[in-house]
Amino acid sequence: MTTDKYVLPVEDNPDDVILTQVAFRKAEIANPLQVTADGVAAMDFLFCRGRYAGRDPNDKPALILLDIKLPLINGVQVFQAIHENTDTSNIPVIVLTSSMEASDQRICNHLGVTNYLQKPASLSKFIEIVRDMKFEWLD
């Protein structure tokens, strides 16, 4: 994919947003990040409503990094909305979460997420994960 295609992290933790930005830079990924901080903002962004009502609906992310434990609307609900909409259902969604609850993983896999990954504790491990994303979904 071209580098003008952005990645959409849906992440409410500012420290994890910074970690993602650093990991993308260290992994030499040129795709810009367009961050939303909760489930409502992510859905408004993707479906061009609310404060994103003027956004071009054809401008879709190359990849969505979705946390499960989000305020307002959780990540499972966001994924269901993405998956059920014909305009967004083909966007790869990677659940990137600190939750390793078996029920969360089971639900996400059943719904068809592209991948379910636990957020690593170290920057070096996170960079490895991001490099894998680059070769799998962004090149």
Protein backbone atom coordinates (compact mmCIF):
# COMPACT_ATOMS: atom_id res chain seq x y z
CA MET A 1 0.00 0.00 0.00
CA THR A 2 1.11 3.53 -0.52
CA THR A 3 2.40 5.61 2.33
CA ASP A 4 -0.44 8.11 1.97
CA LYS A 5 -2.79 5.49 3.42
CA TYR A 6 -3.07 6.07 7.12
CA VAL A 7 -3.43 3.70 10.05
CA LEU A 8 -6.26 4.28 12.53
CA PRO A 9 -5.34 3.42 16.12
CA VAL A 10 -8.41 3.44 18.35
CA GLU A 11 -6.75 3.90 21.72
CA ASP A 12 -7.83 5.70 24.89
CA ASN A 13 -4.50 5.50 26.74
CA PRO A 14 -2.24 8.46 25.78
CA ASP A 15 0.88 6.48 26.80
CA ASP A 16 -0.08 3.68 24.40
CA VAL A 17 -0.64 6.24 21.64
CA ILE A 18 2.90 7.56 22.20
CA LEU A 19 4.25 4.00 22.26
CA THR A 20 2.50 3.31 18.95
CA GLN A 21 3.93 6.47 17.40
CA VAL A 22 7.45 5.58 18.55
CA ALA A 23 7.12 1.97 17.36
CA PHE A 24 5.93 3.10 13.92
CA ARG A 25 8.83 5.53 13.65
CA LYS A 26 11.39 2.92 14.78
CA ALA A 27 9.91 0.35 12.39
CA GLU A 28 10.27 2.93 9.62
CA ILE A 29 6.60 2.91 8.70
CA ALA A 30 5.74 5.99 6.70
CA ASN A 31 1.97 5.58 6.97
CA PRO A 32 0.61 8.41 9.13
CA LEU A 33 -1.47 7.67 12.23
CA GLN A 34 -4.97 9.12 12.67
CA VAL A 35 -5.83 8.43 16.32
CA THR A 36 -9.28 8.28 17.87
CA ALA A 37 -9.56 7.98 21.64
CA ASP A 38 -12.83 6.11 22.15
CA GLY A 39 -15.36 3.91 20.41
CA VAL A 40 -17.78 6.72 19.58
CA ALA A 41 -15.04 8.86 18.00
CA ALA A 42 -13.82 5.86 15.98
CA MET A 43 -17.28 5.14 14.63
CA ASP A 44 -17.94 8.82 13.93
CA PHE A 45 -14.63 8.99 12.07
CA LEU A 46 -15.18 5.83 10.03
CA PHE A 47 -18.80 6.60 9.18
CA CYS A 48 -18.27 10.35 8.63
CA ARG A 49 -20.68 11.63 11.22
CA GLY A 50 -20.62 13.97 14.19
CA ARG A 51 -17.51 16.14 14.19
CA TYR A 52 -16.24 14.11 11.19
CA ALA A 53 -19.38 14.68 9.10
CA GLY A 54 -17.43 16.60 6.44
CA ARG A 55 -14.79 13.89 6.02
CA ASP A 56 -14.55 12.10 2.64
CA PRO A 57 -16.21 8.69 3.11
CA ASN A 58 -13.92 7.21 0.45
CA ASP A 59 -10.85 8.06 2.54
CA LYS A 60 -10.46 4.80 4.43
CA PRO A 61 -7.58 3.64 6.63
CA ALA A 62 -5.22 0.95 5.40
CA LEU A 63 -5.41 -0.70 8.81
CA ILE A 64 -7.28 -0.26 12.10
CA LEU A 65 -5.57 -0.99 15.44
CA LEU A 66 -8.40 -1.49 17.89
CA ASP A 67 -8.27 -1.64 21.65
CA ILE A 68 -11.03 -3.71 23.27
CA LYS A 69 -11.38 -1.82 26.55
CA LEU A 70 -12.58 1.57 25.28
CA PRO A 71 -14.78 4.19 26.92
CA LEU A 72 -18.31 4.89 25.65
CA ILE A 73 -18.48 2.00 23.14
CA ASN A 74 -16.17 -0.98 23.55
CA GLY A 75 -13.92 -2.39 20.85
CA VAL A 76 -16.12 -5.40 20.17
CA GLN A 77 -19.05 -3.11 19.38
CA VAL A 78 -16.83 -0.96 17.15
CA PHE A 79 -15.60 -4.04 15.28
CA GLN A 80 -19.15 -5.31 14.80
CA ALA A 81 -20.15 -1.98 13.24
CA ILE A 82 -17.08 -2.01 10.97
CA HIS A 83 -17.66 -5.63 9.97
CA GLU A 84 -21.39 -5.19 9.27
CA ASN A 85 -20.94 -2.11 7.05
CA THR A 86 -20.17 -2.88 3.40
CA ASP A 87 -18.09 0.30 3.10
CA THR A 88 -15.73 -0.68 5.93
CA SER A 89 -15.92 -4.47 6.17
CA ASN A 90 -12.82 -4.99 3.99
CA ILE A 91 -10.53 -2.87 6.21
CA PRO A 92 -8.15 -5.12 8.19
CA VAL A 93 -8.73 -4.78 11.93
CA ILE A 94 -6.10 -5.87 14.42
CA VAL A 95 -7.20 -6.00 18.01
CA LEU A 96 -4.23 -4.68 19.97
CA THR A 97 -5.13 -4.84 23.63
CA SER A 98 -3.83 -5.45 27.10
CA SER A 99 -6.76 -7.81 27.66
CA MET A 100 -5.91 -11.47 27.37
CA GLU A 101 -9.25 -12.57 28.74
CA ALA A 102 -10.18 -15.75 26.91
CA SER A 103 -13.73 -14.48 26.40
CA ASP A 104 -12.52 -11.30 24.65
CA GLN A 105 -10.24 -13.27 22.37
CA ARG A 106 -12.93 -15.85 21.62
CA ILE A 107 -15.52 -13.20 20.75
CA CYS A 108 -13.10 -11.26 18.53
CA ASN A 109 -11.96 -14.37 16.69
CA HIS A 110 -15.56 -15.52 16.25
CA LEU A 111 -16.50 -12.13 14.80
CA GLY A 112 -13.60 -12.32 12.33
CA VAL A 113 -10.97 -9.83 13.43
CA THR A 114 -7.86 -9.97 11.28
CA ASN A 115 -5.64 -10.64 14.29
CA TYR A 116 -5.78 -10.46 18.09
CA LEU A 117 -2.54 -9.36 19.74
CA GLN A 118 -1.63 -8.56 23.31
CA LYS A 119 0.14 -5.23 23.77
CA PRO A 120 3.72 -6.08 24.68
CA ALA A 121 5.36 -4.74 27.80
CA SER A 122 8.56 -3.65 26.05
CA LEU A 123 9.17 -1.21 23.23
CA SER A 124 11.40 -3.70 21.39
CA LYS A 125 8.62 -6.32 21.33
CA PHE A 126 6.13 -3.70 20.19
CA ILE A 127 8.45 -2.67 17.36
CA GLU A 128 8.64 -6.33 16.28
CA ILE A 129 4.84 -6.53 16.18
CA VAL A 130 4.63 -3.30 14.20
CA ARG A 131 7.25 -4.52 11.71
CA ASP A 132 5.18 -7.65 11.18
CA MET A 133 2.14 -5.43 10.55
CA LYS A 134 4.13 -3.47 8.02
CA PHE A 135 5.03 -6.50 5.96
CA GLU A 136 1.62 -8.14 6.30
CA TRP A 137 -0.77 -5.22 5.79
CA LEU A 138 1.07 -2.03 4.83
CA ASP A 139 3.53 -3.03 2.09
